[in-house]
Amino acid sequence: MAKKPEPGRRLQSPIRRGEKPTLKTISMLSGLAVPTVSRALNDAPDIGAETKKRVRRIADEIGYVPNRAGVRLRTGRTNVISLVLSTQHDMMNHTARLISSLAGHLRGTQFHLIVTPFFPDEDPMRPIRYIVETGSADAIVMNQIEPQDPRVAYLMEKKFPFATHGRSDWRDQHAYFDYDNGVFGQLAVSELTKRNRRNIVLVAPPKTQNYSMEMRDGAMTMARELGVRMSVLSRVTSDSPGSEVMARVAELLDEPNAPDGIICGSTSSAMALIAAFEAKGRVIGTDFDVVSKEAIPVLQMFRPPVIAMYEDVARAGEFLAMAAIDAIRNPDAPPMQELEIPGQGLTLQSKETT
């Protein structure tokens, strides 16, 4: 049996120049059998945490990279999770945070993250079909979920592991992490009403997406209960470019009965509309108030009077990584589900509790 390396000591690799390190190389350096090394690198549950840590440290130090083709032949897996994202999204705040969190949680596992983009003028089913038909990933994570999302229906039909950032109408059947946008809409109207705002406008996400419908319904329901005027801004959404949001809000401010309270579905739209209000000489906190979601705490540094509601996208990415791995390893188990409720934290959901 090979001698175990001393803890913390840099390894002297037995491979020759130009050769690639293999499982056998790690076996020689660790004193473990090749099958044990393989199982440790694949995060097998019967291998101890310290053994896994030691094997991964050796693999990192000698530059071991698994042969994807070989892994796929042996296990039928790629050890890849694909995050499928539209190129038309809020990279400054939301999506960048999601990517970082997903990648961070997969670090140290055998799984690797790839980002598969699709363009606004492209069929969103195209990247999903490609991944499933080519077997280029073991699981998919995706967002911008529609109520009866064809991607969700397709993946359930194919029994392909996936997790969604958002809920579909078939939410009880698949893994997801979601933010309760209905509650957000209710709280936003309530907060604005406390500040004596009586003419409220919602800059909503695209209406095809499920979270937009929930946000609208929540806001409208609370507005009726409190007896305040409530409308949804037309022609732009919270995903629209800032210049378009500014132009549309400027038009709105020239109309009679201009709004004095605004609800925003994204940080970028909140900043754009505040700029439009200020260009007309309006002062936030005096002439109008704004409630907005944010994934990174920046709005109150930008304008302290903003009423900001935090959305834990970092937690979303971490949970979706765990849910995707669980869907791969335990396809017959109840899907992992979690719901973030504004002001209340997280609520674990499962088939037993929903």
Protein backbone atom coordinates (compact mmCIF):
# COMPACT_ATOMS: atom_id res chain seq x y z
CA MET A 1 0.00 0.00 0.00
CA ALA A 2 1.29 3.47 -0.86
CA LYS A 3 2.41 5.72 1.95
CA LYS A 4 -0.17 8.35 2.93
CA PRO A 5 0.97 11.95 2.41
CA GLU A 6 1.55 14.12 5.44
CA PRO A 7 -1.32 16.55 6.13
CA GLY A 8 -0.77 19.98 4.53
CA ARG A 9 2.27 18.84 2.57
CA ARG A 10 2.46 19.52 -1.19
CA LEU A 11 2.30 16.26 -3.12
CA GLN A 12 5.05 14.98 -5.38
CA SER A 13 3.16 13.56 -8.35
CA PRO A 14 4.41 10.21 -9.73
CA ILE A 15 3.28 11.04 -13.28
CA ARG A 16 5.78 11.87 -16.01
CA ARG A 17 5.85 15.17 -17.89
CA GLY A 18 3.14 15.26 -20.54
CA GLU A 19 1.04 12.54 -18.89
CA LYS A 20 -2.41 13.25 -17.50
CA PRO A 21 -3.18 12.29 -13.91
CA THR A 22 -5.67 9.48 -13.53
CA LEU A 23 -7.66 7.78 -10.78
CA LYS A 24 -4.70 5.40 -10.43
CA THR A 25 -2.42 8.38 -9.76
CA ILE A 26 -4.68 9.55 -6.94
CA SER A 27 -4.84 5.97 -5.66
CA MET A 28 -1.06 5.78 -5.45
CA LEU A 29 -0.80 9.12 -3.64
CA SER A 30 -3.65 8.51 -1.22
CA GLY A 31 -3.11 4.85 -0.43
CA LEU A 32 -6.73 4.12 -1.36
CA ALA A 33 -8.04 1.62 -3.88
CA VAL A 34 -9.04 2.99 -7.29
CA PRO A 35 -12.77 2.17 -6.77
CA THR A 36 -12.67 4.03 -3.42
CA VAL A 37 -11.08 7.07 -5.09
CA SER A 38 -13.71 7.01 -7.81
CA ARG A 39 -16.56 6.79 -5.30
CA ALA A 40 -15.07 9.58 -3.17
CA LEU A 41 -14.87 11.89 -6.19
CA ASN A 42 -18.47 11.03 -7.02
CA ASP A 43 -19.62 11.91 -3.50
CA ALA A 44 -20.79 8.38 -2.67
CA PRO A 45 -22.74 8.37 0.63
CA ASP A 46 -20.77 5.42 2.06
CA ILE A 47 -17.44 7.30 1.84
CA GLY A 48 -16.49 9.44 4.86
CA ALA A 49 -16.30 13.23 4.62
CA GLU A 50 -12.60 13.33 5.55
CA THR A 51 -11.73 10.75 2.90
CA LYS A 52 -13.63 12.74 0.27
CA LYS A 53 -11.87 15.92 1.33
CA ARG A 54 -8.42 14.27 1.14
CA VAL A 55 -9.10 12.70 -2.27
CA ARG A 56 -10.39 16.00 -3.71
CA ARG A 57 -7.38 17.87 -2.32
CA ILE A 58 -5.00 15.43 -4.01
CA ALA A 59 -7.00 15.66 -7.26
CA ASP A 60 -6.80 19.47 -7.17
CA GLU A 61 -3.08 19.52 -6.43
CA ILE A 62 -2.12 17.23 -9.29
CA GLY A 63 -4.61 18.80 -11.72
CA TYR A 64 -6.83 15.76 -12.15
CA VAL A 65 -9.79 16.38 -14.48
CA PRO A 66 -12.26 13.54 -15.05
CA ASN A 67 -12.73 12.36 -18.61
CA ARG A 68 -16.33 13.31 -19.33
CA ALA A 69 -16.74 10.64 -21.98
CA GLY A 70 -15.39 8.02 -19.61
CA VAL A 71 -17.62 9.15 -16.76
CA ARG A 72 -20.63 9.01 -19.03
CA LEU A 73 -19.76 5.52 -20.25
CA ARG A 74 -19.28 4.22 -16.70
CA THR A 75 -22.19 5.96 -14.98
CA GLY A 76 -24.55 7.22 -17.66
CA ARG A 77 -24.08 10.73 -16.23
CA THR A 78 -22.24 13.87 -17.27
CA ASN A 79 -21.90 15.40 -13.78
CA VAL A 80 -23.17 18.64 -15.33
CA ILE A 81 -26.13 20.80 -14.27
CA SER A 82 -27.30 23.35 -16.83
CA LEU A 83 -28.75 26.70 -15.84
CA VAL A 84 -30.94 27.82 -18.75
CA LEU A 85 -31.37 31.61 -18.87
CA SER A 86 -32.74 34.22 -21.22
CA THR A 87 -30.20 36.82 -22.34
CA GLN A 88 -32.87 39.47 -21.67
CA HIS A 89 -32.76 39.63 -17.89
CA ASP A 90 -31.55 41.73 -14.98
CA MET A 91 -27.89 40.72 -14.88
CA MET A 92 -26.97 43.57 -12.51
CA ASN A 93 -29.02 42.28 -9.64
CA HIS A 94 -30.91 39.04 -9.96
CA THR A 95 -29.36 36.65 -12.47
CA ALA A 96 -25.74 37.31 -11.56
CA ARG A 97 -26.56 36.51 -7.92
CA LEU A 98 -28.32 33.30 -8.94
CA ILE A 99 -25.39 32.09 -11.07
CA SER A 100 -22.88 32.87 -8.33
CA SER A 101 -24.89 31.04 -5.67
CA LEU A 102 -25.54 27.96 -7.80
CA ALA A 103 -21.89 27.66 -8.80
CA GLY A 104 -20.75 28.21 -5.22
CA HIS A 105 -22.94 25.44 -3.84
CA LEU A 106 -21.81 22.96 -6.52
CA ARG A 107 -18.18 23.69 -5.69
CA GLY A 108 -16.74 20.69 -3.90
CA THR A 109 -19.26 18.27 -5.42
CA GLN A 110 -18.77 16.18 -8.54
CA PHE A 111 -21.24 18.40 -10.38
CA HIS A 112 -20.29 21.35 -12.57
CA LEU A 113 -22.44 24.26 -13.69
CA ILE A 114 -22.85 25.37 -17.27
CA VAL A 115 -25.00 28.32 -18.34
CA THR A 116 -27.09 27.72 -21.45
CA PRO A 117 -28.44 31.00 -22.85
CA PHE A 118 -31.34 31.55 -25.20
CA PHE A 119 -32.29 34.77 -26.98
CA PRO A 120 -35.57 36.71 -26.74
CA ASP A 121 -36.44 35.89 -30.37
CA GLU A 122 -35.67 32.18 -29.89
CA ASP A 123 -38.04 29.39 -28.92
CA PRO A 124 -37.32 28.78 -25.19
CA MET A 125 -37.95 25.07 -25.79
CA ARG A 126 -34.93 24.82 -28.07
CA PRO A 127 -32.18 24.69 -25.40
CA ILE A 128 -34.30 22.38 -23.24
CA ARG A 129 -34.82 19.87 -26.06
CA TYR A 130 -31.14 20.07 -26.99
CA ILE A 131 -29.98 19.23 -23.46
CA VAL A 132 -32.43 16.35 -23.08
CA GLU A 133 -31.91 14.88 -26.56
CA THR A 134 -28.11 15.08 -26.44
CA GLY A 135 -27.81 14.12 -22.78
CA SER A 136 -25.41 17.05 -22.32
CA ALA A 137 -26.45 17.58 -18.68
CA ASP A 138 -27.88 15.51 -15.84
CA ALA A 139 -30.36 18.17 -14.71
CA ILE A 140 -31.72 21.58 -15.67
CA VAL A 141 -32.38 24.66 -13.56
CA MET A 142 -34.50 27.40 -15.16
CA ASN A 143 -36.46 30.53 -14.28
CA GLN A 144 -39.08 32.90 -15.77
CA ILE A 145 -41.70 30.20 -15.25
CA GLU A 146 -45.10 30.45 -16.94
CA PRO A 147 -48.29 29.04 -15.34
CA GLN A 148 -48.47 26.17 -17.84
CA ASP A 149 -44.86 26.34 -18.92
CA PRO A 150 -44.23 24.02 -21.91
CA ARG A 151 -40.68 23.43 -20.66
CA VAL A 152 -41.99 22.07 -17.35
CA ALA A 153 -44.54 19.87 -19.14
CA TYR A 154 -41.85 18.50 -21.48
CA LEU A 155 -39.34 17.73 -18.71
CA MET A 156 -42.00 16.00 -16.59
CA GLU A 157 -43.06 13.91 -19.60
CA LYS A 158 -39.43 12.94 -20.30
CA LYS A 159 -38.79 12.30 -16.57
CA PHE A 160 -35.70 14.48 -16.84
CA PRO A 161 -34.41 15.94 -13.54
CA PHE A 162 -35.03 19.68 -13.15
CA ALA A 163 -35.76 22.45 -10.67
CA THR A 164 -37.40 25.82 -11.27
CA HIS A 165 -36.92 29.28 -9.82
CA GLY A 166 -40.63 29.99 -9.65
CA ARG A 167 -43.76 27.84 -9.62
CA SER A 168 -45.93 26.50 -12.40
CA ASP A 169 -49.52 25.26 -12.24
CA TRP A 170 -47.99 21.79 -11.69
CA ARG A 171 -45.95 23.00 -8.69
CA ASP A 172 -46.84 19.97 -6.56
CA GLN A 173 -45.07 17.72 -9.08
CA HIS A 174 -41.66 19.35 -9.44
CA ALA A 175 -38.79 20.87 -7.45
CA TYR A 176 -38.80 24.63 -7.05
CA PHE A 177 -37.71 27.63 -5.04
CA ASP A 178 -40.00 30.64 -5.15
CA TYR A 179 -40.61 34.05 -3.61
CA ASP A 180 -44.22 34.71 -2.63
CA ASN A 181 -44.93 37.59 -4.99
CA GLY A 182 -48.59 37.67 -4.00
CA VAL A 183 -47.58 38.56 -0.44
CA PHE A 184 -45.06 41.07 -1.81
CA GLY A 185 -47.85 42.82 -3.74
CA GLN A 186 -50.05 42.94 -0.65
CA LEU A 187 -47.29 44.28 1.61
CA ALA A 188 -46.25 46.86 -0.98
CA VAL A 189 -49.75 48.35 -1.21
CA SER A 190 -50.08 48.28 2.57
CA GLU A 191 -46.76 50.12 3.07
CA LEU A 192 -47.66 52.79 0.51
CA THR A 193 -51.09 53.28 2.04
CA LYS A 194 -49.47 53.84 5.46
CA ARG A 195 -47.62 56.74 3.82
CA ASN A 196 -50.95 58.14 2.61
CA ARG A 197 -50.40 57.18 -1.03
CA ARG A 198 -53.79 56.81 -2.74
CA ASN A 199 -52.93 56.43 -6.44
CA ILE A 200 -50.64 53.43 -6.86
CA VAL A 201 -49.08 52.04 -10.05
CA LEU A 202 -47.39 48.64 -10.37
CA VAL A 203 -44.43 48.20 -12.74
CA ALA A 204 -44.99 44.47 -13.12
CA PRO A 205 -42.92 41.67 -14.64
CA PRO A 206 -43.99 40.34 -18.06
CA LYS A 207 -47.57 39.12 -17.71
CA THR A 208 -46.82 35.73 -19.30
CA GLN A 209 -44.83 34.75 -16.21
CA ASN A 210 -46.45 33.23 -13.17
CA TYR A 211 -44.85 35.54 -10.62
CA SER A 212 -46.24 38.55 -12.47
CA MET A 213 -49.78 37.23 -12.15
CA GLU A 214 -49.28 36.57 -8.44
CA MET A 215 -47.83 40.05 -7.85
CA ARG A 216 -50.72 41.72 -9.71
CA ASP A 217 -53.37 39.68 -7.90
CA GLY A 218 -51.84 40.36 -4.48
CA ALA A 219 -51.55 44.10 -5.10
CA MET A 220 -55.05 44.43 -6.59
CA THR A 221 -56.63 42.45 -3.75
CA MET A 222 -55.02 44.63 -1.07
CA ALA A 223 -55.87 47.85 -2.95
CA ARG A 224 -59.55 46.88 -3.01
CA GLU A 225 -59.49 46.07 0.70
CA LEU A 226 -57.87 49.40 1.58
CA GLY A 227 -59.90 51.48 -0.88
CA VAL A 228 -57.02 52.94 -2.88
CA ARG A 229 -56.64 53.34 -6.62
CA MET A 230 -54.46 50.67 -8.22
CA SER A 231 -53.33 50.13 -11.83
CA VAL A 232 -50.63 48.29 -13.76
CA LEU A 233 -48.29 50.38 -15.91
CA SER A 234 -48.90 49.61 -19.58
CA ARG A 235 -46.43 49.20 -22.47
CA VAL A 236 -43.40 48.45 -20.25
CA THR A 237 -42.50 45.83 -17.63
CA SER A 238 -39.99 45.57 -14.82
CA ASP A 239 -37.73 43.74 -17.31
CA SER A 240 -37.84 46.58 -19.88
CA PRO A 241 -34.71 48.66 -20.56
CA GLY A 242 -34.33 51.57 -18.17
CA SER A 243 -34.69 54.15 -20.96
CA GLU A 244 -38.10 52.72 -21.90
CA VAL A 245 -39.28 52.73 -18.28
CA MET A 246 -38.15 56.35 -17.86
CA ALA A 247 -39.93 57.46 -21.03
CA ARG A 248 -43.19 55.73 -20.09
CA VAL A 249 -43.17 57.11 -16.53
CA ALA A 250 -42.45 60.61 -17.86
CA GLU A 251 -45.60 60.32 -19.99
CA LEU A 252 -47.58 59.16 -16.98
CA LEU A 253 -46.46 62.12 -14.89
CA ASP A 254 -47.81 64.54 -17.52
CA GLU A 255 -51.30 63.04 -17.20
CA PRO A 256 -53.99 64.15 -14.71
CA ASN A 257 -54.02 62.16 -11.45
CA ALA A 258 -50.35 61.19 -11.71
CA PRO A 259 -49.38 58.37 -9.31
CA ASP A 260 -47.94 59.06 -5.89
CA GLY A 261 -47.00 55.45 -5.08
CA ILE A 262 -45.07 52.98 -7.24
CA ILE A 263 -44.44 49.24 -6.84
CA CYS A 264 -41.53 47.77 -8.82
CA GLY A 265 -40.77 44.16 -9.65
CA SER A 266 -37.03 44.80 -10.14
CA THR A 267 -34.23 47.03 -8.92
CA SER A 268 -33.38 48.38 -12.37
CA SER A 269 -36.95 49.51 -13.05
CA ALA A 270 -37.10 51.19 -9.62
CA MET A 271 -33.97 53.21 -10.33
CA ALA A 272 -35.24 54.18 -13.79
CA LEU A 273 -38.61 55.42 -12.59
CA ILE A 274 -37.08 57.35 -9.68
CA ALA A 275 -34.88 59.13 -12.24
CA ALA A 276 -38.00 59.94 -14.29
CA PHE A 277 -39.82 61.34 -11.26
CA GLU A 278 -36.83 63.45 -10.24
CA ALA A 279 -36.43 64.79 -13.77
CA LYS A 280 -39.93 66.23 -13.31
CA GLY A 281 -38.91 67.87 -10.03
CA ARG A 282 -40.62 65.30 -7.76
CA VAL A 283 -38.96 64.38 -4.45
CA ILE A 284 -39.03 60.79 -3.21
CA GLY A 285 -40.49 60.47 0.28
CA THR A 286 -42.32 63.79 -0.16
CA ASP A 287 -44.15 63.74 -3.50
CA PHE A 288 -44.07 60.00 -4.06
CA ASP A 289 -42.90 56.70 -2.54
CA VAL A 290 -41.48 53.54 -4.10
CA VAL A 291 -41.59 49.90 -2.99
CA SER A 292 -39.29 47.50 -4.80
CA LYS A 293 -37.83 44.02 -4.57
CA GLU A 294 -34.06 43.67 -4.59
CA ALA A 295 -31.60 40.78 -4.47
CA ILE A 296 -28.60 42.94 -3.55
CA PRO A 297 -29.07 45.76 -1.00
CA VAL A 298 -28.42 48.84 -3.14
CA LEU A 299 -31.66 50.80 -3.40
CA GLN A 300 -31.52 52.49 -0.01
CA MET A 301 -27.92 53.51 -0.70
CA PHE A 302 -29.17 55.00 -3.98
CA ARG A 303 -32.16 56.75 -2.36
CA PRO A 304 -32.67 56.16 1.41
CA PRO A 305 -36.48 56.68 1.34
CA VAL A 306 -37.02 53.68 -0.97
CA ILE A 307 -39.02 50.90 0.70
CA ALA A 308 -36.89 47.87 -0.27
CA MET A 309 -38.00 44.27 0.22
CA TYR A 310 -35.17 41.76 0.10
CA GLU A 311 -35.42 38.65 -2.07
CA ASP A 312 -32.88 36.00 -1.04
CA VAL A 313 -31.65 34.96 -4.48
CA ALA A 314 -28.45 33.60 -2.94
CA ARG A 315 -30.55 31.14 -0.93
CA ALA A 316 -32.55 30.38 -4.06
CA GLY A 317 -29.41 29.37 -5.97
CA GLU A 318 -28.15 27.23 -3.10
CA PHE A 319 -31.49 25.48 -2.72
CA LEU A 320 -31.95 24.92 -6.47
CA ALA A 321 -28.50 23.31 -6.65
CA MET A 322 -29.48 20.91 -3.85
CA ALA A 323 -32.89 20.26 -5.45
CA ALA A 324 -31.35 19.49 -8.85
CA ILE A 325 -28.86 17.04 -7.31
CA ASP A 326 -31.66 15.42 -5.32
CA ALA A 327 -33.77 15.07 -8.50
CA ILE A 328 -30.85 13.27 -10.14
CA ARG A 329 -30.11 10.93 -7.26
CA ASN A 330 -33.64 10.32 -5.95
CA PRO A 331 -35.98 10.50 -8.94
CA ASP A 332 -38.82 8.74 -7.11
CA ALA A 333 -38.67 10.84 -3.93
CA PRO A 334 -40.96 13.85 -3.30
CA PRO A 335 -39.43 16.92 -4.99
CA MET A 336 -37.60 19.47 -2.86
CA GLN A 337 -39.58 22.72 -2.59
CA GLU A 338 -39.12 25.97 -0.69
CA LEU A 339 -41.11 29.20 -0.56
CA GLU A 340 -39.68 32.52 0.65
CA ILE A 341 -42.37 34.68 2.24
CA PRO A 342 -41.54 38.41 2.45
CA GLY A 343 -41.17 39.46 6.07
CA GLN A 344 -41.39 35.88 7.33
CA GLY A 345 -38.37 34.09 5.89
CA LEU A 346 -38.55 30.65 4.33
CA THR A 347 -41.23 27.97 4.42
CA LEU A 348 -40.30 24.41 3.49
CA GLN A 349 -42.77 22.81 1.10
CA SER A 350 -43.16 19.16 0.17
CA LYS A 351 -45.78 16.73 -1.02
CA GLU A 352 -46.55 16.06 2.60
CA THR A 353 -47.18 19.73 3.47
CA THR A 354 -48.76 21.22 0.34
